[in-house]
Amino acid sequence: MSKNNFNYVTSVFPEILEISDENIQKKVAEVWMRCLARSKYSKIEDVPNFPSKDYPAPGLSHPEMTKFTLIDHVRSVVYLAKDIAKCIKKFYDVETNLDYLIAGAIIHDADKVLYYSGSKDSCQISDLGKYLPHGFMVGSIAWQVGIDEEIVNIALTHAGKSAVFPQTIEGLILIYADIMMADTLRKISGAKGILESYKNFGPLFTAHM
């Protein structure tokens, strides 16, 4: 990865620099650059948080859901995930691997760059997004760049259509942080949230994209 590309991704996601392992930093940035290179977008900043139509999640898209960017969502999930990790440590004295948690949270939605097409007002699911489930490509690309298996599991299993469940506390943290931030926008927009739509954890983790 070139220095310019690394500097670009870390300018978008400065939380990468909170990862103590520089090797993981570079691989996380590489995942985003590889997704971007294969997408229809020229900048990560152009990718919406939700498509403006044909979104397969509960409820219909709404301005409150579509006015934010994918960057906003990813960074909010990173922030919340870190806070949850601090809470778990403070009250239960359970340690988490912050390098792995932050890395997994930053890349967890990187493949949406591939699964979306179009600008905020006309964004829709791409052909690839109709053929492959969310999480598949980010897991594959993360594996290809040599990211640790535990981080791959954290990122891959946050998606409801994943065939496997998180194997670590960090993976659980990411799922709940992601759902919280996504459902917040659904709630204020009047759309059904993930937890409102699925009454038990079985359907929740098999039907949520």
N, C-alpha and C. Protein backbone atom coordinates (compact mmCIF):
# COMPACT_ATOMS: atom_id res chain seq x y z
N MET A 1 0.83 -1.18 0.00
CA MET A 1 0.00 0.00 0.00
C MET A 1 0.87 1.24 0.00
N SER A 2 0.52 2.21 -0.84
CA SER A 2 1.31 3.44 -0.91
C SER A 2 1.05 4.31 0.32
N LYS A 3 2.01 5.18 0.61
CA LYS A 3 1.86 6.09 1.73
C LYS A 3 0.68 7.02 1.52
N ASN A 4 0.48 7.46 0.27
CA ASN A 4 -0.64 8.35 -0.03
C ASN A 4 -1.99 7.68 0.26
N ASN A 5 -2.10 6.41 -0.15
CA ASN A 5 -3.34 5.69 0.11
C ASN A 5 -3.58 5.49 1.60
N PHE A 6 -2.51 5.16 2.31
CA PHE A 6 -2.64 4.98 3.76
C PHE A 6 -3.06 6.29 4.42
N ASN A 7 -2.44 7.37 4.01
CA ASN A 7 -2.78 8.68 4.58
C ASN A 7 -4.23 9.06 4.26
N TYR A 8 -4.68 8.70 3.06
CA TYR A 8 -6.06 9.00 2.68
C TYR A 8 -7.05 8.25 3.57
N VAL A 9 -6.85 6.95 3.71
CA VAL A 9 -7.80 6.16 4.51
C VAL A 9 -7.79 6.59 5.97
N THR A 10 -6.61 6.90 6.50
CA THR A 10 -6.54 7.33 7.90
C THR A 10 -7.10 8.74 8.10
N SER A 11 -7.15 9.52 7.04
CA SER A 11 -7.80 10.83 7.15
C SER A 11 -9.31 10.66 7.23
N VAL A 12 -9.82 9.62 6.59
CA VAL A 12 -11.24 9.32 6.62
C VAL A 12 -11.62 8.62 7.93
N PHE A 13 -10.76 7.68 8.33
CA PHE A 13 -10.98 6.92 9.57
C PHE A 13 -9.76 7.09 10.48
N PRO A 14 -9.65 8.24 11.17
CA PRO A 14 -8.48 8.48 12.02
C PRO A 14 -8.34 7.48 13.16
N GLU A 15 -9.42 6.76 13.47
CA GLU A 15 -9.36 5.75 14.54
C GLU A 15 -8.41 4.61 14.20
N ILE A 16 -8.07 4.47 12.92
CA ILE A 16 -7.08 3.45 12.54
C ILE A 16 -5.79 3.66 13.31
N LEU A 17 -5.44 4.91 13.53
CA LEU A 17 -4.18 5.22 14.20
C LEU A 17 -4.22 4.91 15.69
N GLU A 18 -5.39 4.58 16.22
CA GLU A 18 -5.48 4.14 17.61
C GLU A 18 -5.07 2.68 17.77
N ILE A 19 -4.99 1.96 16.66
CA ILE A 19 -4.53 0.57 16.69
C ILE A 19 -3.02 0.58 16.95
N SER A 20 -2.60 -0.13 17.96
CA SER A 20 -1.18 -0.07 18.36
C SER A 20 -0.27 -0.82 17.40
N ASP A 21 -0.81 -1.83 16.73
CA ASP A 21 -0.03 -2.64 15.80
C ASP A 21 -0.05 -1.99 14.42
N GLU A 22 1.08 -1.46 13.99
CA GLU A 22 1.14 -0.75 12.70
C GLU A 22 0.85 -1.68 11.52
N ASN A 23 1.17 -2.94 11.66
CA ASN A 23 0.88 -3.90 10.60
C ASN A 23 -0.62 -4.05 10.40
N ILE A 24 -1.37 -4.09 11.51
CA ILE A 24 -2.83 -4.16 11.41
C ILE A 24 -3.38 -2.86 10.84
N GLN A 25 -2.82 -1.74 11.25
CA GLN A 25 -3.23 -0.45 10.68
C GLN A 25 -3.20 -0.49 9.16
N LYS A 26 -2.09 -0.94 8.62
CA LYS A 26 -1.89 -0.94 7.17
C LYS A 26 -2.85 -1.90 6.48
N LYS A 27 -3.10 -3.04 7.10
CA LYS A 27 -4.00 -4.02 6.49
C LYS A 27 -5.45 -3.55 6.52
N VAL A 28 -5.83 -2.86 7.58
CA VAL A 28 -7.18 -2.28 7.65
C VAL A 28 -7.36 -1.25 6.53
N ALA A 29 -6.38 -0.39 6.36
CA ALA A 29 -6.44 0.60 5.28
C ALA A 29 -6.48 -0.08 3.91
N GLU A 30 -5.74 -1.17 3.79
CA GLU A 30 -5.69 -1.90 2.51
C GLU A 30 -7.06 -2.50 2.17
N VAL A 31 -7.78 -3.00 3.16
CA VAL A 31 -9.12 -3.53 2.91
C VAL A 31 -10.01 -2.46 2.28
N TRP A 32 -9.99 -1.26 2.86
CA TRP A 32 -10.82 -0.18 2.31
C TRP A 32 -10.39 0.22 0.90
N MET A 33 -9.09 0.28 0.66
CA MET A 33 -8.62 0.67 -0.67
C MET A 33 -8.96 -0.38 -1.72
N ARG A 34 -8.88 -1.65 -1.35
CA ARG A 34 -9.23 -2.71 -2.32
C ARG A 34 -10.72 -2.69 -2.63
N CYS A 35 -11.54 -2.46 -1.61
CA CYS A 35 -12.98 -2.36 -1.87
C CYS A 35 -13.28 -1.16 -2.75
N LEU A 36 -12.66 -0.04 -2.44
CA LEU A 36 -12.89 1.18 -3.22
C LEU A 36 -12.46 1.00 -4.66
N ALA A 37 -11.32 0.35 -4.88
CA ALA A 37 -10.78 0.16 -6.23
C ALA A 37 -11.70 -0.69 -7.10
N ARG A 38 -12.46 -1.58 -6.49
CA ARG A 38 -13.34 -2.47 -7.24
C ARG A 38 -14.78 -1.95 -7.31
N SER A 39 -15.00 -0.77 -6.72
CA SER A 39 -16.35 -0.23 -6.65
C SER A 39 -16.61 0.80 -7.75
N LYS A 40 -17.80 1.38 -7.74
CA LYS A 40 -18.16 2.42 -8.68
C LYS A 40 -17.95 3.81 -8.10
N TYR A 41 -17.36 3.86 -6.91
CA TYR A 41 -17.10 5.13 -6.25
C TYR A 41 -15.62 5.50 -6.38
N SER A 42 -15.35 6.81 -6.41
CA SER A 42 -13.97 7.27 -6.47
C SER A 42 -13.45 7.68 -5.10
N LYS A 43 -14.39 7.96 -4.17
CA LYS A 43 -14.01 8.36 -2.82
C LYS A 43 -14.92 7.67 -1.80
N ILE A 44 -14.36 7.33 -0.67
CA ILE A 44 -15.16 6.73 0.40
C ILE A 44 -16.20 7.73 0.88
N GLU A 45 -15.85 9.01 0.84
CA GLU A 45 -16.77 10.05 1.31
C GLU A 45 -18.08 10.08 0.54
N ASP A 46 -18.11 9.53 -0.67
CA ASP A 46 -19.30 9.59 -1.52
C ASP A 46 -20.30 8.47 -1.23
N VAL A 47 -19.91 7.51 -0.40
CA VAL A 47 -20.77 6.34 -0.17
C VAL A 47 -21.82 6.66 0.90
N PRO A 48 -23.12 6.52 0.58
CA PRO A 48 -24.17 6.79 1.57
C PRO A 48 -24.20 5.73 2.66
N ASN A 49 -24.90 6.06 3.74
CA ASN A 49 -25.08 5.10 4.82
C ASN A 49 -26.11 4.04 4.45
N PHE A 50 -27.21 4.48 3.84
CA PHE A 50 -28.26 3.58 3.38
C PHE A 50 -28.59 3.90 1.93
N PRO A 51 -29.00 2.92 1.15
CA PRO A 51 -29.53 3.23 -0.19
C PRO A 51 -30.80 4.06 -0.06
N SER A 52 -31.12 4.84 -1.07
CA SER A 52 -32.33 5.65 -1.03
C SER A 52 -33.55 4.86 -1.51
N LYS A 53 -33.33 3.66 -2.06
CA LYS A 53 -34.46 2.82 -2.45
C LYS A 53 -34.00 1.36 -2.52
N ASP A 54 -35.00 0.49 -2.49
CA ASP A 54 -34.77 -0.96 -2.64
C ASP A 54 -33.89 -1.54 -1.55
N TYR A 55 -33.88 -0.90 -0.35
CA TYR A 55 -33.06 -1.44 0.74
C TYR A 55 -33.78 -2.62 1.37
N PRO A 56 -33.10 -3.77 1.51
CA PRO A 56 -33.78 -4.98 1.98
C PRO A 56 -33.99 -5.07 3.48
N ALA A 57 -33.50 -4.09 4.24
CA ALA A 57 -33.69 -4.11 5.69
C ALA A 57 -35.10 -3.65 6.05
N PRO A 58 -35.52 -3.85 7.30
CA PRO A 58 -36.89 -3.48 7.70
C PRO A 58 -37.20 -2.01 7.47
N GLY A 59 -38.40 -1.74 6.98
CA GLY A 59 -38.82 -0.36 6.79
C GLY A 59 -38.33 0.23 5.49
N LEU A 60 -38.89 1.34 5.11
CA LEU A 60 -38.48 2.03 3.89
C LEU A 60 -37.46 3.11 4.20
N SER A 61 -36.62 3.43 3.22
CA SER A 61 -35.64 4.48 3.42
C SER A 61 -36.33 5.82 3.65
N HIS A 62 -35.69 6.68 4.39
CA HIS A 62 -36.26 7.94 4.84
C HIS A 62 -35.11 8.93 4.91
N PRO A 63 -35.38 10.24 4.75
CA PRO A 63 -34.29 11.22 4.79
C PRO A 63 -33.37 11.10 6.01
N GLU A 64 -33.93 10.76 7.17
CA GLU A 64 -33.09 10.62 8.36
C GLU A 64 -32.12 9.45 8.23
N MET A 65 -32.49 8.48 7.40
CA MET A 65 -31.65 7.31 7.21
C MET A 65 -30.62 7.54 6.11
N THR A 66 -30.95 8.39 5.16
CA THR A 66 -30.09 8.52 3.99
C THR A 66 -29.21 9.77 3.98
N LYS A 67 -29.42 10.69 4.93
CA LYS A 67 -28.64 11.93 4.88
C LYS A 67 -27.23 11.77 5.41
N PHE A 68 -26.97 10.66 6.11
CA PHE A 68 -25.64 10.42 6.65
C PHE A 68 -24.83 9.53 5.72
N THR A 69 -23.51 9.57 5.88
CA THR A 69 -22.63 8.78 5.02
C THR A 69 -22.25 7.47 5.69
N LEU A 70 -21.68 6.59 4.91
CA LEU A 70 -21.16 5.34 5.45
C LEU A 70 -20.06 5.62 6.47
N ILE A 71 -19.29 6.66 6.23
CA ILE A 71 -18.24 7.05 7.17
C ILE A 71 -18.85 7.38 8.53
N ASP A 72 -19.96 8.14 8.52
CA ASP A 72 -20.62 8.49 9.78
C ASP A 72 -21.00 7.23 10.56
N HIS A 73 -21.56 6.27 9.85
CA HIS A 73 -21.98 5.03 10.51
C HIS A 73 -20.79 4.27 11.07
N VAL A 74 -19.78 4.07 10.24
CA VAL A 74 -18.62 3.28 10.68
C VAL A 74 -17.96 3.92 11.89
N ARG A 75 -17.74 5.22 11.84
CA ARG A 75 -17.05 5.89 12.95
C ARG A 75 -17.91 5.86 14.22
N SER A 76 -19.22 5.99 14.07
CA SER A 76 -20.09 5.93 15.25
C SER A 76 -20.06 4.55 15.88
N VAL A 77 -19.99 3.52 15.06
CA VAL A 77 -19.90 2.15 15.56
C VAL A 77 -18.58 1.94 16.29
N VAL A 78 -17.50 2.48 15.74
CA VAL A 78 -16.19 2.37 16.40
C VAL A 78 -16.24 3.03 17.78
N TYR A 79 -16.80 4.23 17.84
CA TYR A 79 -16.88 4.95 19.11
C TYR A 79 -17.69 4.17 20.14
N LEU A 80 -18.85 3.67 19.72
CA LEU A 80 -19.70 2.94 20.65
C LEU A 80 -19.05 1.63 21.08
N ALA A 81 -18.42 0.94 20.15
CA ALA A 81 -17.75 -0.32 20.48
C ALA A 81 -16.67 -0.11 21.53
N LYS A 82 -15.91 0.96 21.40
CA LYS A 82 -14.87 1.25 22.39
C LYS A 82 -15.48 1.53 23.76
N ASP A 83 -16.60 2.25 23.79
CA ASP A 83 -17.27 2.55 25.06
C ASP A 83 -17.80 1.28 25.72
N ILE A 84 -18.35 0.38 24.91
CA ILE A 84 -18.84 -0.89 25.45
C ILE A 84 -17.68 -1.68 26.05
N ALA A 85 -16.56 -1.71 25.37
CA ALA A 85 -15.38 -2.42 25.87
C ALA A 85 -14.93 -1.84 27.22
N LYS A 86 -14.97 -0.52 27.35
CA LYS A 86 -14.60 0.12 28.61
C LYS A 86 -15.58 -0.26 29.72
N CYS A 87 -16.86 -0.30 29.39
CA CYS A 87 -17.88 -0.67 30.36
C CYS A 87 -17.70 -2.10 30.84
N ILE A 88 -17.44 -3.01 29.91
CA ILE A 88 -17.23 -4.41 30.26
C ILE A 88 -16.02 -4.56 31.19
N LYS A 89 -14.98 -3.81 30.92
CA LYS A 89 -13.79 -3.84 31.76
C LYS A 89 -14.09 -3.27 33.14
N LYS A 90 -14.78 -2.15 33.19
CA LYS A 90 -15.04 -1.48 34.47
C LYS A 90 -15.91 -2.31 35.40
N PHE A 91 -16.98 -2.90 34.88
CA PHE A 91 -17.95 -3.57 35.74
C PHE A 91 -17.74 -5.08 35.86
N TYR A 92 -17.19 -5.71 34.80
CA TYR A 92 -17.00 -7.16 34.83
C TYR A 92 -15.52 -7.57 34.88
N ASP A 93 -14.64 -6.58 34.74
CA ASP A 93 -13.20 -6.83 34.70
C ASP A 93 -12.83 -7.82 33.58
N VAL A 94 -13.51 -7.68 32.47
CA VAL A 94 -13.23 -8.51 31.29
C VAL A 94 -12.42 -7.70 30.29
N GLU A 95 -11.26 -8.21 29.94
CA GLU A 95 -10.39 -7.54 28.98
C GLU A 95 -10.83 -7.82 27.55
N THR A 96 -10.68 -6.84 26.70
CA THR A 96 -10.90 -7.04 25.27
C THR A 96 -9.66 -6.62 24.51
N ASN A 97 -9.50 -7.16 23.34
CA ASN A 97 -8.37 -6.79 22.48
C ASN A 97 -8.81 -5.57 21.66
N LEU A 98 -8.39 -4.40 22.10
CA LEU A 98 -8.85 -3.18 21.45
C LEU A 98 -8.34 -3.06 20.02
N ASP A 99 -7.15 -3.55 19.75
CA ASP A 99 -6.64 -3.54 18.38
C ASP A 99 -7.58 -4.32 17.47
N TYR A 100 -7.98 -5.50 17.90
CA TYR A 100 -8.87 -6.34 17.10
C TYR A 100 -10.27 -5.73 17.00
N LEU A 101 -10.75 -5.19 18.11
CA LEU A 101 -12.09 -4.59 18.11
C LEU A 101 -12.15 -3.39 17.18
N ILE A 102 -11.19 -2.49 17.29
CA ILE A 102 -11.19 -1.30 16.44
C ILE A 102 -11.02 -1.68 14.98
N ALA A 103 -10.11 -2.61 14.70
CA ALA A 103 -9.90 -3.05 13.31
C ALA A 103 -11.16 -3.65 12.73
N GLY A 104 -11.81 -4.55 13.47
CA GLY A 104 -13.03 -5.18 12.99
C GLY A 104 -14.15 -4.18 12.77
N ALA A 105 -14.26 -3.21 13.69
CA ALA A 105 -15.31 -2.20 13.57
C ALA A 105 -15.07 -1.28 12.38
N ILE A 106 -13.83 -0.96 12.10
CA ILE A 106 -13.54 -0.05 10.98
C ILE A 106 -13.80 -0.72 9.63
N ILE A 107 -13.53 -2.00 9.52
CA ILE A 107 -13.72 -2.66 8.22
C ILE A 107 -15.09 -3.32 8.08
N HIS A 108 -15.92 -3.33 9.12
CA HIS A 108 -17.10 -4.18 9.09
C HIS A 108 -18.04 -3.89 7.93
N ASP A 109 -18.12 -2.65 7.48
CA ASP A 109 -19.02 -2.30 6.37
C ASP A 109 -18.27 -1.88 5.11
N ALA A 110 -16.99 -2.22 5.04
CA ALA A 110 -16.20 -1.80 3.88
C ALA A 110 -16.77 -2.34 2.58
N ASP A 111 -17.39 -3.52 2.61
CA ASP A 111 -17.90 -4.09 1.36
C ASP A 111 -19.18 -3.40 0.88
N LYS A 112 -19.75 -2.50 1.67
CA LYS A 112 -20.90 -1.75 1.17
C LYS A 112 -20.49 -0.79 0.05
N VAL A 113 -19.21 -0.47 -0.02
CA VAL A 113 -18.70 0.29 -1.16
C VAL A 113 -18.94 -0.48 -2.45
N LEU A 114 -18.92 -1.81 -2.36
CA LEU A 114 -19.14 -2.67 -3.51
C LEU A 114 -20.62 -2.98 -3.71
N TYR A 115 -21.37 -3.00 -2.63
CA TYR A 115 -22.77 -3.42 -2.69
C TYR A 115 -23.73 -2.28 -3.00
N TYR A 116 -23.23 -1.03 -2.98
CA TYR A 116 -24.04 0.12 -3.31
C TYR A 116 -23.58 0.72 -4.64
N SER A 117 -24.46 1.46 -5.27
CA SER A 117 -24.10 2.25 -6.45
C SER A 117 -24.98 3.48 -6.49
N GLY A 118 -24.41 4.60 -6.96
CA GLY A 118 -25.17 5.83 -7.05
C GLY A 118 -24.93 6.76 -5.88
N SER A 119 -25.36 8.02 -6.05
CA SER A 119 -25.17 9.04 -5.02
C SER A 119 -26.24 8.91 -3.94
N LYS A 120 -26.18 9.80 -2.96
CA LYS A 120 -27.10 9.74 -1.82
C LYS A 120 -28.56 9.72 -2.25
N ASP A 121 -28.91 10.55 -3.22
CA ASP A 121 -30.31 10.67 -3.63
C ASP A 121 -30.75 9.58 -4.60
N SER A 122 -29.81 8.83 -5.13
CA SER A 122 -30.17 7.80 -6.10
C SER A 122 -29.46 6.49 -5.83
N CYS A 123 -29.00 6.30 -4.61
CA CYS A 123 -28.24 5.10 -4.27
C CYS A 123 -29.15 3.87 -4.22
N GLN A 124 -28.66 2.78 -4.79
CA GLN A 124 -29.41 1.54 -4.74
C GLN A 124 -28.43 0.37 -4.58
N ILE A 125 -28.97 -0.80 -4.33
CA ILE A 125 -28.14 -1.99 -4.21
C ILE A 125 -27.55 -2.31 -5.58
N SER A 126 -26.25 -2.54 -5.63
CA SER A 126 -25.58 -2.88 -6.90
C SER A 126 -25.89 -4.32 -7.29
N ASP A 127 -25.51 -4.68 -8.51
CA ASP A 127 -25.71 -6.07 -8.95
C ASP A 127 -24.97 -7.03 -8.03
N LEU A 128 -23.75 -6.67 -7.64
CA LEU A 128 -22.98 -7.54 -6.74
C LEU A 128 -23.71 -7.70 -5.41
N GLY A 129 -24.30 -6.60 -4.92
CA GLY A 129 -25.02 -6.65 -3.67
C GLY A 129 -26.25 -7.54 -3.72
N LYS A 130 -26.78 -7.76 -4.92
CA LYS A 130 -27.92 -8.66 -5.09
C LYS A 130 -27.49 -10.12 -5.16
N TYR A 131 -26.23 -10.34 -5.52
CA TYR A 131 -25.73 -11.71 -5.68
C TYR A 131 -25.04 -12.26 -4.44
N LEU A 132 -24.40 -11.38 -3.68
CA LEU A 132 -23.61 -11.83 -2.53
C LEU A 132 -24.10 -11.16 -1.25
N PRO A 133 -24.12 -11.90 -0.15
CA PRO A 133 -24.59 -11.32 1.11
C PRO A 133 -23.57 -10.37 1.71
N HIS A 134 -24.09 -9.36 2.41
CA HIS A 134 -23.24 -8.42 3.14
C HIS A 134 -22.34 -9.20 4.10
N GLY A 135 -21.07 -8.83 4.13
CA GLY A 135 -20.11 -9.50 4.99
C GLY A 135 -19.20 -10.44 4.22
N PHE A 136 -19.72 -11.00 3.12
CA PHE A 136 -18.94 -11.97 2.36
C PHE A 136 -17.66 -11.36 1.79
N MET A 137 -17.82 -10.23 1.10
CA MET A 137 -16.66 -9.64 0.43
C MET A 137 -15.66 -9.06 1.41
N VAL A 138 -16.14 -8.43 2.49
CA VAL A 138 -15.18 -7.86 3.44
C VAL A 138 -14.40 -8.98 4.12
N GLY A 139 -15.06 -10.10 4.39
CA GLY A 139 -14.34 -11.23 4.97
C GLY A 139 -13.31 -11.78 4.02
N SER A 140 -13.69 -11.88 2.74
CA SER A 140 -12.78 -12.41 1.73
C SER A 140 -11.57 -11.50 1.52
N ILE A 141 -11.82 -10.21 1.39
CA ILE A 141 -10.73 -9.26 1.15
C ILE A 141 -9.83 -9.14 2.38
N ALA A 142 -10.43 -9.14 3.56
CA ALA A 142 -9.63 -9.08 4.78
C ALA A 142 -8.71 -10.30 4.87
N TRP A 143 -9.22 -11.44 4.51
CA TRP A 143 -8.41 -12.66 4.50
C TRP A 143 -7.28 -12.55 3.49
N GLN A 144 -7.59 -12.01 2.33
CA GLN A 144 -6.58 -11.88 1.27
C GLN A 144 -5.43 -10.97 1.67
N VAL A 145 -5.70 -9.92 2.42
CA VAL A 145 -4.62 -9.00 2.80
C VAL A 145 -3.86 -9.49 4.02
N GLY A 146 -4.31 -10.60 4.61
CA GLY A 146 -3.57 -11.20 5.72
C GLY A 146 -3.97 -10.72 7.10
N ILE A 147 -5.18 -10.22 7.23
CA ILE A 147 -5.66 -9.80 8.55
C ILE A 147 -5.90 -11.04 9.42
N ASP A 148 -5.61 -10.90 10.70
CA ASP A 148 -5.76 -12.01 11.63
C ASP A 148 -7.15 -12.63 11.56
N GLU A 149 -7.20 -13.96 11.74
CA GLU A 149 -8.47 -14.68 11.62
C GLU A 149 -9.52 -14.15 12.59
N GLU A 150 -9.12 -13.77 13.81
CA GLU A 150 -10.09 -13.27 14.78
C GLU A 150 -10.73 -11.97 14.30
N ILE A 151 -9.94 -11.12 13.65
CA ILE A 151 -10.49 -9.86 13.13
C ILE A 151 -11.43 -10.15 11.97
N VAL A 152 -11.06 -11.09 11.12
CA VAL A 152 -11.93 -11.48 10.02
C VAL A 152 -13.27 -11.97 10.58
N ASN A 153 -13.22 -12.79 11.63
CA ASN A 153 -14.44 -13.30 12.25
C ASN A 153 -15.28 -12.16 12.82
N ILE A 154 -14.65 -11.19 13.45
CA ILE A 154 -15.35 -10.05 14.03
C ILE A 154 -16.12 -9.29 12.95
N ALA A 155 -15.45 -9.01 11.84
CA ALA A 155 -16.07 -8.25 10.75
C ALA A 155 -17.12 -9.06 10.02
N LEU A 156 -16.81 -10.30 9.73
CA LEU A 156 -17.70 -11.15 8.94
C LEU A 156 -19.00 -11.45 9.67
N THR A 157 -18.92 -11.76 10.95
CA THR A 157 -20.09 -12.25 11.68
C THR A 157 -21.02 -11.16 12.17
N HIS A 158 -20.68 -9.89 11.95
CA HIS A 158 -21.61 -8.85 12.37
C HIS A 158 -22.86 -8.86 11.48
N ALA A 159 -22.71 -9.37 10.27
CA ALA A 159 -23.82 -9.38 9.30
C ALA A 159 -24.76 -10.53 9.62
N GLY A 160 -26.06 -10.25 9.57
CA GLY A 160 -27.05 -11.26 9.93
C GLY A 160 -27.05 -12.48 9.04
N LYS A 161 -26.60 -12.33 7.81
CA LYS A 161 -26.60 -13.46 6.88
C LYS A 161 -25.33 -14.30 6.98
N SER A 162 -24.48 -13.97 7.94
CA SER A 162 -23.29 -14.79 8.17
C SER A 162 -23.72 -16.17 8.64
N ALA A 163 -23.02 -17.18 8.16
CA ALA A 163 -23.35 -18.56 8.54
C ALA A 163 -22.76 -18.96 9.88
N VAL A 164 -21.92 -18.09 10.44
CA VAL A 164 -21.30 -18.40 11.72
C VAL A 164 -21.55 -17.26 12.71
N PHE A 165 -21.45 -17.60 14.00
CA PHE A 165 -21.67 -16.63 15.07
C PHE A 165 -20.33 -16.11 15.55
N PRO A 166 -20.28 -14.90 16.11
CA PRO A 166 -19.00 -14.38 16.62
C PRO A 166 -18.36 -15.34 17.62
N GLN A 167 -17.07 -15.50 17.53
CA GLN A 167 -16.34 -16.40 18.41
C GLN A 167 -15.68 -15.68 19.58
N THR A 168 -15.80 -14.37 19.62
CA THR A 168 -15.12 -13.58 20.64
C THR A 168 -16.04 -12.52 21.23
N ILE A 169 -15.65 -12.00 22.40
CA ILE A 169 -16.37 -10.88 23.00
C ILE A 169 -16.35 -9.68 22.05
N GLU A 170 -15.23 -9.47 21.37
CA GLU A 170 -15.11 -8.34 20.45
C GLU A 170 -16.15 -8.44 19.33
N GLY A 171 -16.40 -9.67 18.88
CA GLY A 171 -17.42 -9.86 17.85
C GLY A 171 -18.82 -9.53 18.34
N LEU A 172 -19.12 -9.92 19.57
CA LEU A 172 -20.42 -9.59 20.16
C LEU A 172 -20.58 -8.07 20.31
N ILE A 173 -19.53 -7.43 20.78
CA ILE A 173 -19.57 -5.97 20.94
C ILE A 173 -19.90 -5.30 19.62
N LEU A 174 -19.26 -5.74 18.54
CA LEU A 174 -19.49 -5.11 17.25
C LEU A 174 -20.94 -5.27 16.80
N ILE A 175 -21.51 -6.46 16.96
CA ILE A 175 -22.89 -6.68 16.54
C ILE A 175 -23.83 -5.70 17.23
N TYR A 176 -23.70 -5.59 18.55
CA TYR A 176 -24.63 -4.74 19.28
C TYR A 176 -24.39 -3.26 19.01
N ALA A 177 -23.13 -2.87 18.84
CA ALA A 177 -22.84 -1.47 18.50
C ALA A 177 -23.41 -1.12 17.13
N ASP A 178 -23.26 -2.03 16.19
CA ASP A 178 -23.75 -1.81 14.83
C ASP A 178 -25.27 -1.70 14.80
N ILE A 179 -25.95 -2.62 15.48
CA ILE A 179 -27.41 -2.59 15.51
C ILE A 179 -27.91 -1.33 16.19
N MET A 180 -27.26 -0.94 17.28
CA MET A 180 -27.69 0.26 18.00
C MET A 180 -27.63 1.49 17.11
N MET A 181 -26.52 1.67 16.41
CA MET A 181 -26.37 2.87 15.58
C MET A 181 -27.31 2.83 14.37
N ALA A 182 -27.51 1.65 13.80
CA ALA A 182 -28.42 1.53 12.66
C ALA A 182 -29.86 1.74 13.09
N ASP A 183 -30.24 1.12 14.22
CA ASP A 183 -31.62 1.23 14.68
C ASP A 183 -31.97 2.62 15.19
N THR A 184 -30.98 3.37 15.63
CA THR A 184 -31.24 4.75 16.05
C THR A 184 -31.83 5.55 14.89
N LEU A 185 -31.23 5.43 13.72
CA LEU A 185 -31.75 6.16 12.56
C LEU A 185 -33.10 5.61 12.11
N ARG A 186 -33.27 4.30 12.22
CA ARG A 186 -34.57 3.74 11.86
C ARG A 186 -35.66 4.25 12.81
N LYS A 187 -35.33 4.33 14.09
CA LYS A 187 -36.32 4.77 15.07
C LYS A 187 -36.76 6.22 14.82
N ILE A 188 -35.80 7.12 14.63
CA ILE A 188 -36.17 8.52 14.45
C ILE A 188 -36.79 8.78 13.08
N SER A 189 -36.62 7.84 12.16
CA SER A 189 -37.21 8.01 10.84
C SER A 189 -38.60 7.38 10.75
N GLY A 190 -38.95 6.60 11.77
CA GLY A 190 -40.25 5.96 11.75
C GLY A 190 -40.25 4.59 11.12
N ALA A 191 -39.08 4.14 10.67
CA ALA A 191 -38.98 2.81 10.08
C ALA A 191 -38.81 1.77 11.17
N LYS A 192 -39.18 0.55 10.89
CA LYS A 192 -39.01 -0.52 11.85
C LYS A 192 -37.52 -0.79 12.08
N GLY A 193 -37.17 -0.98 13.34
CA GLY A 193 -35.81 -1.34 13.67
C GLY A 193 -35.59 -2.83 13.58
N ILE A 194 -34.33 -3.21 13.62
CA ILE A 194 -33.99 -4.63 13.55
C ILE A 194 -34.60 -5.37 14.74
N LEU A 195 -34.41 -4.85 15.94
CA LEU A 195 -34.91 -5.53 17.13
C LEU A 195 -36.43 -5.52 17.20
N GLU A 196 -37.06 -4.52 16.59
CA GLU A 196 -38.52 -4.45 16.56
C GLU A 196 -39.10 -5.46 15.58
N SER A 197 -38.35 -5.75 14.54
CA SER A 197 -38.86 -6.61 13.48
C SER A 197 -38.66 -8.09 13.75
N TYR A 198 -37.62 -8.40 14.50
CA TYR A 198 -37.32 -9.80 14.78
C TYR A 198 -37.39 -10.03 16.27
N LYS A 199 -38.23 -10.94 16.69
CA LYS A 199 -38.55 -11.10 18.10
C LYS A 199 -37.62 -12.04 18.86
N ASN A 200 -36.75 -12.72 18.16
CA ASN A 200 -35.79 -13.56 18.86
C ASN A 200 -34.49 -13.54 18.10
N PHE A 201 -33.43 -13.98 18.73
CA PHE A 201 -32.11 -13.86 18.15
C PHE A 201 -31.86 -14.76 16.94
N GLY A 202 -32.65 -15.82 16.79
CA GLY A 202 -32.48 -16.67 15.61
C GLY A 202 -32.74 -15.90 14.33
N PRO A 203 -33.99 -15.38 14.14
CA PRO A 203 -34.27 -14.58 12.95
C PRO A 203 -33.41 -13.33 12.87
N LEU A 204 -33.07 -12.75 14.01
CA LEU A 204 -32.27 -11.51 14.00
C LEU A 204 -30.97 -11.72 13.26
N PHE A 205 -30.27 -12.83 13.56
CA PHE A 205 -28.95 -13.00 12.99
C PHE A 205 -28.96 -13.76 11.67
N THR A 206 -30.14 -14.22 11.23
CA THR A 206 -30.20 -14.87 9.93
C THR A 206 -30.87 -13.99 8.88
N ALA A 207 -31.69 -13.06 9.32
CA ALA A 207 -32.43 -12.24 8.36
C ALA A 207 -31.88 -10.84 8.20
N HIS A 208 -31.15 -10.34 9.19
CA HIS A 208 -30.62 -8.96 9.10
C HIS A 208 -29.43 -8.90 8.17
N MET A 209 -29.47 -7.95 7.21
CA MET A 209 -28.34 -7.79 6.31
C MET A 209 -27.29 -6.96 7.01
